[in-house]
Amino acid sequence: MVSRLSTGKSWFKHFQYEEGRDKPSDVRNVTLVVATHIAAVTFQAGVNPPGGVWQDNDNGHVAGRAIYATQPTPFYVFLISNTLALSASILVIISLTYRFPFHLEVIVATISMMVTYGSSIFAVTPKESVRFRYVSVAAAVPFVIRCLIQMFNKVFRKE
């Protein structure tokens, strides 16, 4: 076992999910930890955008606005990708904690986190370059896809 891992030959196969070996509760716990880390990182990146924010009102920029927003296309790629990752990780967190104690509190906390994230990105994004419909769609995509998959499975389930 050790020699196979140390030689570099297919070492990653040892760590992949294996249905007979890995317990579902362990898989759920690992997935929950990973989703929580993704949510924390993406939330922080949205609240504190790369490059920071302008500290003054000089040279045509506004204090509190994202410096990165001076490059509109890369900034919106970042913003949409970050929002999509945050939304997907929140969906995973909500799904994996379903029927757990305090599930309602988890839902309230995650919705509050999304509202805080949204208000933060609205605050740091310059008003003249606002394309919030794209950000809103990015936030909704994981939930819509999951709903469509569930409906598809109900309609076309073969028994």
N, C-alpha and C. Protein backbone atom coordinates (compact mmCIF):
# COMPACT_ATOMS: atom_id res chain seq x y z
N MET A 1 0.83 -1.20 0.00
CA MET A 1 0.00 0.00 0.00
C MET A 1 0.86 1.25 0.00
N VAL A 2 1.83 1.31 0.91
CA VAL A 2 2.69 2.47 1.00
C VAL A 2 3.52 2.64 -0.25
N SER A 3 4.03 1.54 -0.78
CA SER A 3 4.86 1.64 -1.96
C SER A 3 4.05 2.15 -3.15
N ARG A 4 2.79 1.74 -3.26
CA ARG A 4 1.95 2.21 -4.36
C ARG A 4 1.67 3.70 -4.23
N LEU A 5 1.46 4.16 -3.01
CA LEU A 5 1.19 5.57 -2.80
C LEU A 5 2.43 6.41 -3.05
N SER A 6 3.59 5.91 -2.67
CA SER A 6 4.81 6.69 -2.80
C SER A 6 5.37 6.70 -4.22
N THR A 7 4.98 5.77 -5.06
CA THR A 7 5.51 5.72 -6.42
C THR A 7 4.82 6.71 -7.34
N GLY A 8 3.66 7.19 -6.96
CA GLY A 8 2.94 8.14 -7.79
C GLY A 8 2.04 7.48 -8.81
N LYS A 9 1.98 6.15 -8.84
CA LYS A 9 1.13 5.45 -9.79
C LYS A 9 -0.30 5.41 -9.25
N SER A 10 -1.15 6.16 -9.85
CA SER A 10 -2.57 6.18 -9.51
C SER A 10 -2.83 6.37 -8.02
N TRP A 11 -2.06 7.21 -7.37
CA TRP A 11 -2.24 7.45 -5.94
C TRP A 11 -3.61 8.04 -5.64
N PHE A 12 -4.15 8.83 -6.58
CA PHE A 12 -5.43 9.48 -6.34
C PHE A 12 -6.58 8.50 -6.30
N LYS A 13 -6.45 7.33 -6.91
CA LYS A 13 -7.52 6.33 -6.88
C LYS A 13 -7.78 5.84 -5.47
N HIS A 14 -6.75 5.84 -4.64
CA HIS A 14 -6.89 5.41 -3.25
C HIS A 14 -7.84 6.34 -2.48
N PHE A 15 -7.86 7.61 -2.86
CA PHE A 15 -8.65 8.60 -2.12
C PHE A 15 -10.03 8.85 -2.73
N GLN A 16 -10.34 8.23 -3.85
CA GLN A 16 -11.64 8.41 -4.46
C GLN A 16 -12.72 7.66 -3.68
N TYR A 17 -13.94 8.15 -3.83
CA TYR A 17 -15.09 7.53 -3.16
C TYR A 17 -15.28 6.11 -3.68
N GLU A 18 -15.48 5.20 -2.75
CA GLU A 18 -15.74 3.80 -3.09
C GLU A 18 -16.95 3.36 -2.28
N GLU A 19 -18.00 2.96 -2.96
CA GLU A 19 -19.29 2.71 -2.30
C GLU A 19 -19.22 1.66 -1.20
N GLY A 20 -18.54 0.59 -1.38
CA GLY A 20 -18.49 -0.45 -0.36
C GLY A 20 -17.59 -0.11 0.82
N ARG A 21 -16.63 0.75 0.59
CA ARG A 21 -15.64 1.07 1.62
C ARG A 21 -16.03 2.29 2.45
N ASP A 22 -16.55 3.32 1.82
CA ASP A 22 -16.82 4.59 2.50
C ASP A 22 -18.26 4.66 3.01
N LYS A 23 -18.41 5.06 4.27
CA LYS A 23 -19.73 5.16 4.87
C LYS A 23 -20.41 6.46 4.39
N PRO A 24 -21.71 6.39 4.10
CA PRO A 24 -22.42 7.59 3.64
C PRO A 24 -22.31 8.77 4.61
N SER A 25 -22.32 8.50 5.91
CA SER A 25 -22.23 9.60 6.87
C SER A 25 -20.85 10.27 6.80
N ASP A 26 -19.81 9.49 6.55
CA ASP A 26 -18.47 10.08 6.41
C ASP A 26 -18.39 10.93 5.13
N VAL A 27 -18.98 10.43 4.07
CA VAL A 27 -18.99 11.16 2.80
C VAL A 27 -19.77 12.47 2.97
N ARG A 28 -20.92 12.40 3.64
CA ARG A 28 -21.72 13.61 3.89
C ARG A 28 -20.92 14.62 4.70
N ASN A 29 -20.24 14.15 5.74
CA ASN A 29 -19.46 15.06 6.59
C ASN A 29 -18.32 15.72 5.82
N VAL A 30 -17.61 14.96 5.01
CA VAL A 30 -16.52 15.54 4.23
C VAL A 30 -17.07 16.55 3.22
N THR A 31 -18.15 16.20 2.56
CA THR A 31 -18.76 17.10 1.59
C THR A 31 -19.24 18.37 2.27
N LEU A 32 -19.80 18.24 3.46
CA LEU A 32 -20.27 19.41 4.22
C LEU A 32 -19.10 20.33 4.60
N VAL A 33 -17.99 19.75 4.99
CA VAL A 33 -16.81 20.56 5.32
C VAL A 33 -16.29 21.29 4.08
N VAL A 34 -16.20 20.58 2.96
CA VAL A 34 -15.72 21.20 1.72
C VAL A 34 -16.67 22.32 1.29
N ALA A 35 -17.98 22.07 1.32
CA ALA A 35 -18.96 23.09 0.93
C ALA A 35 -18.89 24.31 1.85
N THR A 36 -18.68 24.07 3.13
CA THR A 36 -18.57 25.17 4.08
C THR A 36 -17.33 26.01 3.81
N HIS A 37 -16.24 25.37 3.49
CA HIS A 37 -15.02 26.12 3.15
C HIS A 37 -15.22 26.93 1.87
N ILE A 38 -15.84 26.35 0.88
CA ILE A 38 -16.11 27.08 -0.37
C ILE A 38 -17.01 28.28 -0.09
N ALA A 39 -18.04 28.09 0.73
CA ALA A 39 -18.93 29.20 1.08
C ALA A 39 -18.17 30.31 1.79
N ALA A 40 -17.30 29.94 2.73
CA ALA A 40 -16.54 30.95 3.47
C ALA A 40 -15.60 31.74 2.57
N VAL A 41 -14.90 31.04 1.69
CA VAL A 41 -13.94 31.70 0.80
C VAL A 41 -14.66 32.61 -0.20
N THR A 42 -15.72 32.12 -0.80
CA THR A 42 -16.42 32.93 -1.80
C THR A 42 -17.14 34.11 -1.15
N PHE A 43 -17.69 33.91 0.04
CA PHE A 43 -18.32 35.02 0.76
C PHE A 43 -17.28 36.10 1.03
N GLN A 44 -16.14 35.70 1.54
CA GLN A 44 -15.08 36.67 1.85
C GLN A 44 -14.60 37.40 0.60
N ALA A 45 -14.48 36.68 -0.51
CA ALA A 45 -14.04 37.31 -1.76
C ALA A 45 -15.07 38.32 -2.26
N GLY A 46 -16.35 38.07 -2.03
CA GLY A 46 -17.38 39.02 -2.45
C GLY A 46 -17.43 40.24 -1.55
N VAL A 47 -17.27 40.03 -0.26
CA VAL A 47 -17.31 41.12 0.71
C VAL A 47 -16.05 41.98 0.61
N ASN A 48 -14.92 41.35 0.35
CA ASN A 48 -13.64 42.04 0.26
C ASN A 48 -13.03 41.71 -1.10
N PRO A 49 -13.42 42.40 -2.17
CA PRO A 49 -13.03 42.00 -3.53
C PRO A 49 -11.51 42.07 -3.76
N PRO A 50 -11.01 41.29 -4.72
CA PRO A 50 -9.58 41.30 -5.04
C PRO A 50 -9.13 42.72 -5.39
N GLY A 51 -8.02 43.11 -4.85
CA GLY A 51 -7.51 44.46 -5.10
C GLY A 51 -8.02 45.48 -4.10
N GLY A 52 -9.01 45.10 -3.32
CA GLY A 52 -9.56 46.01 -2.31
C GLY A 52 -10.51 47.03 -2.89
N VAL A 53 -10.73 48.09 -2.14
CA VAL A 53 -11.63 49.16 -2.57
C VAL A 53 -10.88 50.48 -2.51
N TRP A 54 -11.36 51.45 -3.28
CA TRP A 54 -10.75 52.77 -3.28
C TRP A 54 -10.93 53.40 -1.89
N GLN A 55 -9.90 54.06 -1.42
CA GLN A 55 -9.93 54.67 -0.10
C GLN A 55 -10.29 56.16 -0.14
N ASP A 56 -10.29 56.75 -1.34
CA ASP A 56 -10.58 58.18 -1.46
C ASP A 56 -11.40 58.45 -2.72
N ASN A 57 -11.77 59.70 -2.90
CA ASN A 57 -12.58 60.11 -4.05
C ASN A 57 -11.75 60.84 -5.11
N ASP A 58 -10.49 60.55 -5.22
CA ASP A 58 -9.61 61.23 -6.18
C ASP A 58 -9.61 60.55 -7.53
N ASN A 59 -9.22 61.29 -8.56
CA ASN A 59 -9.01 60.77 -9.92
C ASN A 59 -10.24 60.07 -10.50
N GLY A 60 -11.42 60.53 -10.18
CA GLY A 60 -12.64 60.00 -10.78
C GLY A 60 -13.18 58.71 -10.20
N HIS A 61 -12.60 58.20 -9.16
CA HIS A 61 -13.15 57.00 -8.53
C HIS A 61 -13.82 57.37 -7.21
N VAL A 62 -14.62 56.45 -6.71
CA VAL A 62 -15.43 56.69 -5.50
C VAL A 62 -14.92 55.79 -4.38
N ALA A 63 -14.74 56.38 -3.22
CA ALA A 63 -14.30 55.60 -2.05
C ALA A 63 -15.31 54.49 -1.76
N GLY A 64 -14.79 53.31 -1.47
CA GLY A 64 -15.64 52.16 -1.15
C GLY A 64 -15.99 51.30 -2.35
N ARG A 65 -15.66 51.74 -3.55
CA ARG A 65 -15.92 50.95 -4.75
C ARG A 65 -14.73 50.03 -5.05
N ALA A 66 -15.00 48.89 -5.64
CA ALA A 66 -13.95 47.91 -5.92
C ALA A 66 -12.97 48.45 -6.95
N ILE A 67 -11.69 48.34 -6.64
CA ILE A 67 -10.65 48.74 -7.58
C ILE A 67 -10.70 47.85 -8.82
N TYR A 68 -10.97 46.58 -8.61
CA TYR A 68 -11.04 45.60 -9.71
C TYR A 68 -12.14 45.94 -10.71
N ALA A 69 -13.15 46.68 -10.27
CA ALA A 69 -14.27 47.04 -11.16
C ALA A 69 -13.86 48.01 -12.25
N THR A 70 -12.64 48.56 -12.18
CA THR A 70 -12.17 49.42 -13.27
C THR A 70 -11.91 48.60 -14.53
N GLN A 71 -11.87 47.28 -14.39
CA GLN A 71 -11.77 46.36 -15.52
C GLN A 71 -13.09 45.59 -15.58
N PRO A 72 -14.10 46.15 -16.24
CA PRO A 72 -15.47 45.60 -16.13
C PRO A 72 -15.61 44.13 -16.51
N THR A 73 -15.03 43.69 -17.61
CA THR A 73 -15.22 42.30 -18.03
C THR A 73 -14.61 41.31 -17.04
N PRO A 74 -13.33 41.46 -16.67
CA PRO A 74 -12.78 40.52 -15.68
C PRO A 74 -13.51 40.60 -14.34
N PHE A 75 -13.94 41.81 -13.95
CA PHE A 75 -14.64 41.95 -12.68
C PHE A 75 -15.96 41.20 -12.69
N TYR A 76 -16.70 41.28 -13.80
CA TYR A 76 -17.97 40.55 -13.86
C TYR A 76 -17.78 39.05 -14.00
N VAL A 77 -16.72 38.63 -14.65
CA VAL A 77 -16.42 37.19 -14.69
C VAL A 77 -16.17 36.71 -13.26
N PHE A 78 -15.35 37.46 -12.51
CA PHE A 78 -15.10 37.13 -11.11
C PHE A 78 -16.40 37.12 -10.32
N LEU A 79 -17.19 38.19 -10.45
CA LEU A 79 -18.40 38.34 -9.65
C LEU A 79 -19.41 37.23 -9.93
N ILE A 80 -19.61 36.90 -11.18
CA ILE A 80 -20.57 35.85 -11.54
C ILE A 80 -20.07 34.48 -11.12
N SER A 81 -18.79 34.20 -11.34
CA SER A 81 -18.23 32.91 -10.94
C SER A 81 -18.25 32.75 -9.43
N ASN A 82 -17.91 33.80 -8.72
CA ASN A 82 -17.90 33.76 -7.27
C ASN A 82 -19.31 33.55 -6.72
N THR A 83 -20.27 34.25 -7.30
CA THR A 83 -21.67 34.11 -6.88
C THR A 83 -22.19 32.71 -7.16
N LEU A 84 -21.84 32.16 -8.30
CA LEU A 84 -22.24 30.80 -8.65
C LEU A 84 -21.66 29.79 -7.66
N ALA A 85 -20.40 29.95 -7.32
CA ALA A 85 -19.76 29.04 -6.35
C ALA A 85 -20.40 29.16 -4.97
N LEU A 86 -20.66 30.39 -4.53
CA LEU A 86 -21.30 30.59 -3.22
C LEU A 86 -22.70 29.97 -3.20
N SER A 87 -23.46 30.22 -4.23
CA SER A 87 -24.82 29.69 -4.30
C SER A 87 -24.83 28.16 -4.34
N ALA A 88 -23.94 27.57 -5.11
CA ALA A 88 -23.87 26.10 -5.19
C ALA A 88 -23.46 25.51 -3.84
N SER A 89 -22.51 26.14 -3.17
CA SER A 89 -22.08 25.61 -1.87
C SER A 89 -23.18 25.75 -0.83
N ILE A 90 -23.95 26.82 -0.90
CA ILE A 90 -25.08 26.98 0.03
C ILE A 90 -26.14 25.93 -0.25
N LEU A 91 -26.38 25.63 -1.51
CA LEU A 91 -27.34 24.56 -1.85
C LEU A 91 -26.88 23.23 -1.26
N VAL A 92 -25.60 22.93 -1.36
CA VAL A 92 -25.06 21.68 -0.80
C VAL A 92 -25.23 21.67 0.72
N ILE A 93 -24.91 22.79 1.36
CA ILE A 93 -25.04 22.86 2.82
C ILE A 93 -26.49 22.64 3.24
N ILE A 94 -27.42 23.31 2.59
CA ILE A 94 -28.83 23.16 2.93
C ILE A 94 -29.30 21.73 2.67
N SER A 95 -28.86 21.15 1.56
CA SER A 95 -29.27 19.79 1.22
C SER A 95 -28.72 18.76 2.21
N LEU A 96 -27.47 18.93 2.59
CA LEU A 96 -26.84 17.94 3.47
C LEU A 96 -27.28 18.06 4.93
N THR A 97 -27.87 19.19 5.28
CA THR A 97 -28.35 19.36 6.66
C THR A 97 -29.86 19.19 6.76
N TYR A 98 -30.49 18.75 5.69
CA TYR A 98 -31.94 18.54 5.68
C TYR A 98 -32.34 17.54 6.76
N ARG A 99 -33.33 17.87 7.51
CA ARG A 99 -33.86 17.07 8.62
C ARG A 99 -32.90 16.94 9.81
N PHE A 100 -31.86 17.75 9.81
CA PHE A 100 -30.99 17.81 10.98
C PHE A 100 -31.64 18.71 12.02
N PRO A 101 -31.23 18.57 13.28
CA PRO A 101 -31.69 19.55 14.27
C PRO A 101 -31.21 20.94 13.85
N PHE A 102 -32.01 21.93 14.09
CA PHE A 102 -31.70 23.32 13.76
C PHE A 102 -31.60 23.58 12.26
N HIS A 103 -32.26 22.76 11.44
CA HIS A 103 -32.22 22.97 10.00
C HIS A 103 -32.83 24.33 9.62
N LEU A 104 -33.90 24.71 10.30
CA LEU A 104 -34.50 26.02 10.02
C LEU A 104 -33.49 27.14 10.28
N GLU A 105 -32.74 27.03 11.35
CA GLU A 105 -31.73 28.03 11.67
C GLU A 105 -30.62 28.06 10.62
N VAL A 106 -30.26 26.90 10.09
CA VAL A 106 -29.26 26.84 9.02
C VAL A 106 -29.79 27.55 7.78
N ILE A 107 -31.05 27.34 7.45
CA ILE A 107 -31.65 28.01 6.29
C ILE A 107 -31.67 29.51 6.51
N VAL A 108 -32.11 29.96 7.68
CA VAL A 108 -32.16 31.39 7.98
C VAL A 108 -30.75 31.99 7.88
N ALA A 109 -29.77 31.31 8.45
CA ALA A 109 -28.39 31.81 8.42
C ALA A 109 -27.84 31.89 7.00
N THR A 110 -28.11 30.87 6.18
CA THR A 110 -27.58 30.90 4.82
C THR A 110 -28.28 31.93 3.95
N ILE A 111 -29.58 32.10 4.15
CA ILE A 111 -30.29 33.15 3.41
C ILE A 111 -29.78 34.52 3.84
N SER A 112 -29.57 34.70 5.12
CA SER A 112 -29.02 35.97 5.62
C SER A 112 -27.62 36.21 5.05
N MET A 113 -26.84 35.15 4.94
CA MET A 113 -25.51 35.28 4.37
C MET A 113 -25.59 35.70 2.90
N MET A 114 -26.52 35.14 2.16
CA MET A 114 -26.68 35.54 0.75
C MET A 114 -27.13 36.99 0.63
N VAL A 115 -28.03 37.43 1.52
CA VAL A 115 -28.47 38.82 1.50
C VAL A 115 -27.30 39.75 1.83
N THR A 116 -26.51 39.38 2.82
CA THR A 116 -25.33 40.17 3.18
C THR A 116 -24.34 40.22 2.02
N TYR A 117 -24.13 39.08 1.38
CA TYR A 117 -23.24 39.02 0.22
C TYR A 117 -23.76 39.93 -0.89
N GLY A 118 -25.06 39.84 -1.16
CA GLY A 118 -25.65 40.67 -2.21
C GLY A 118 -25.52 42.15 -1.91
N SER A 119 -25.81 42.55 -0.68
CA SER A 119 -25.71 43.97 -0.34
C SER A 119 -24.26 44.44 -0.41
N SER A 120 -23.33 43.56 -0.08
CA SER A 120 -21.92 43.93 -0.15
C SER A 120 -21.46 44.12 -1.59
N ILE A 121 -21.80 43.19 -2.47
CA ILE A 121 -21.36 43.37 -3.86
C ILE A 121 -22.07 44.55 -4.51
N PHE A 122 -23.29 44.83 -4.11
CA PHE A 122 -23.97 46.01 -4.63
C PHE A 122 -23.27 47.28 -4.14
N ALA A 123 -22.75 47.26 -2.93
CA ALA A 123 -22.08 48.43 -2.36
C ALA A 123 -20.73 48.70 -3.03
N VAL A 124 -19.99 47.68 -3.39
CA VAL A 124 -18.65 47.89 -3.94
C VAL A 124 -18.62 47.96 -5.47
N THR A 125 -19.74 47.65 -6.12
CA THR A 125 -19.79 47.68 -7.58
C THR A 125 -20.25 49.06 -8.04
N PRO A 126 -19.50 49.67 -8.95
CA PRO A 126 -19.92 50.98 -9.46
C PRO A 126 -21.29 50.92 -10.12
N LYS A 127 -22.09 51.93 -9.86
CA LYS A 127 -23.47 51.94 -10.34
C LYS A 127 -23.55 51.98 -11.87
N GLU A 128 -22.58 52.62 -12.53
CA GLU A 128 -22.65 52.72 -13.99
C GLU A 128 -22.35 51.40 -14.69
N SER A 129 -21.80 50.43 -13.98
CA SER A 129 -21.49 49.15 -14.62
C SER A 129 -22.31 48.01 -14.02
N VAL A 130 -23.45 48.34 -13.46
CA VAL A 130 -24.25 47.34 -12.77
C VAL A 130 -24.95 46.43 -13.78
N ARG A 131 -24.72 45.15 -13.60
CA ARG A 131 -25.42 44.13 -14.39
C ARG A 131 -25.93 43.08 -13.41
N PHE A 132 -26.75 43.54 -12.49
CA PHE A 132 -27.15 42.67 -11.39
C PHE A 132 -28.06 41.54 -11.83
N ARG A 133 -28.67 41.66 -12.97
CA ARG A 133 -29.50 40.54 -13.42
C ARG A 133 -28.63 39.31 -13.68
N TYR A 134 -27.40 39.53 -14.17
CA TYR A 134 -26.49 38.41 -14.39
C TYR A 134 -26.07 37.77 -13.07
N VAL A 135 -25.82 38.60 -12.08
CA VAL A 135 -25.44 38.09 -10.76
C VAL A 135 -26.62 37.34 -10.14
N SER A 136 -27.82 37.87 -10.30
CA SER A 136 -29.02 37.21 -9.77
C SER A 136 -29.24 35.86 -10.44
N VAL A 137 -29.05 35.83 -11.74
CA VAL A 137 -29.19 34.56 -12.46
C VAL A 137 -28.14 33.57 -11.98
N ALA A 138 -26.90 34.04 -11.80
CA ALA A 138 -25.83 33.15 -11.31
C ALA A 138 -26.17 32.59 -9.94
N ALA A 139 -26.78 33.41 -9.08
CA ALA A 139 -27.17 32.94 -7.75
C ALA A 139 -28.28 31.90 -7.82
N ALA A 140 -29.15 32.02 -8.82
CA ALA A 140 -30.29 31.11 -8.93
C ALA A 140 -29.97 29.81 -9.68
N VAL A 141 -28.93 29.80 -10.49
CA VAL A 141 -28.64 28.65 -11.36
C VAL A 141 -28.55 27.32 -10.60
N PRO A 142 -27.78 27.19 -9.53
CA PRO A 142 -27.71 25.88 -8.85
C PRO A 142 -29.06 25.40 -8.34
N PHE A 143 -29.87 26.32 -7.82
CA PHE A 143 -31.18 25.94 -7.30
C PHE A 143 -32.12 25.52 -8.43
N VAL A 144 -32.09 26.25 -9.54
CA VAL A 144 -32.93 25.92 -10.69
C VAL A 144 -32.53 24.57 -11.28
N ILE A 145 -31.24 24.35 -11.42
CA ILE A 145 -30.77 23.07 -11.97
C ILE A 145 -31.19 21.92 -11.07
N ARG A 146 -31.04 22.08 -9.76
CA ARG A 146 -31.44 21.02 -8.82
C ARG A 146 -32.94 20.76 -8.93
N CYS A 147 -33.75 21.80 -9.02
CA CYS A 147 -35.20 21.63 -9.16
C CYS A 147 -35.55 20.92 -10.46
N LEU A 148 -34.89 21.29 -11.54
CA LEU A 148 -35.14 20.64 -12.83
C LEU A 148 -34.75 19.16 -12.79
N ILE A 149 -33.65 18.85 -12.15
CA ILE A 149 -33.24 17.45 -12.01
C ILE A 149 -34.27 16.67 -11.21
N GLN A 150 -34.75 17.25 -10.11
CA GLN A 150 -35.76 16.58 -9.29
C GLN A 150 -37.05 16.36 -10.09
N MET A 151 -37.49 17.37 -10.83
CA MET A 151 -38.71 17.22 -11.63
C MET A 151 -38.51 16.17 -12.72
N PHE A 152 -37.36 16.19 -13.38
CA PHE A 152 -37.06 15.21 -14.41
C PHE A 152 -37.10 13.80 -13.83
N ASN A 153 -36.51 13.60 -12.66
CA ASN A 153 -36.50 12.29 -12.02
C ASN A 153 -37.90 11.84 -11.64
N LYS A 154 -38.76 12.75 -11.21
CA LYS A 154 -40.14 12.37 -10.86
C LYS A 154 -40.94 11.99 -12.09
N VAL A 155 -40.78 12.76 -13.17
CA VAL A 155 -41.57 12.53 -14.37
C VAL A 155 -41.11 11.28 -15.12
N PHE A 156 -39.80 11.10 -15.23
CA PHE A 156 -39.28 10.03 -16.06
C PHE A 156 -38.73 8.84 -15.29
N ARG A 157 -39.04 8.77 -14.02
CA ARG A 157 -38.56 7.65 -13.19
C ARG A 157 -39.21 6.36 -13.65
N LYS A 158 -38.41 5.38 -13.92
CA LYS A 158 -38.92 4.07 -14.34
C LYS A 158 -38.92 3.14 -13.15
N GLU A 159 -40.05 2.56 -12.87
CA GLU A 159 -40.14 1.63 -11.72
C GLU A 159 -40.52 0.27 -12.18
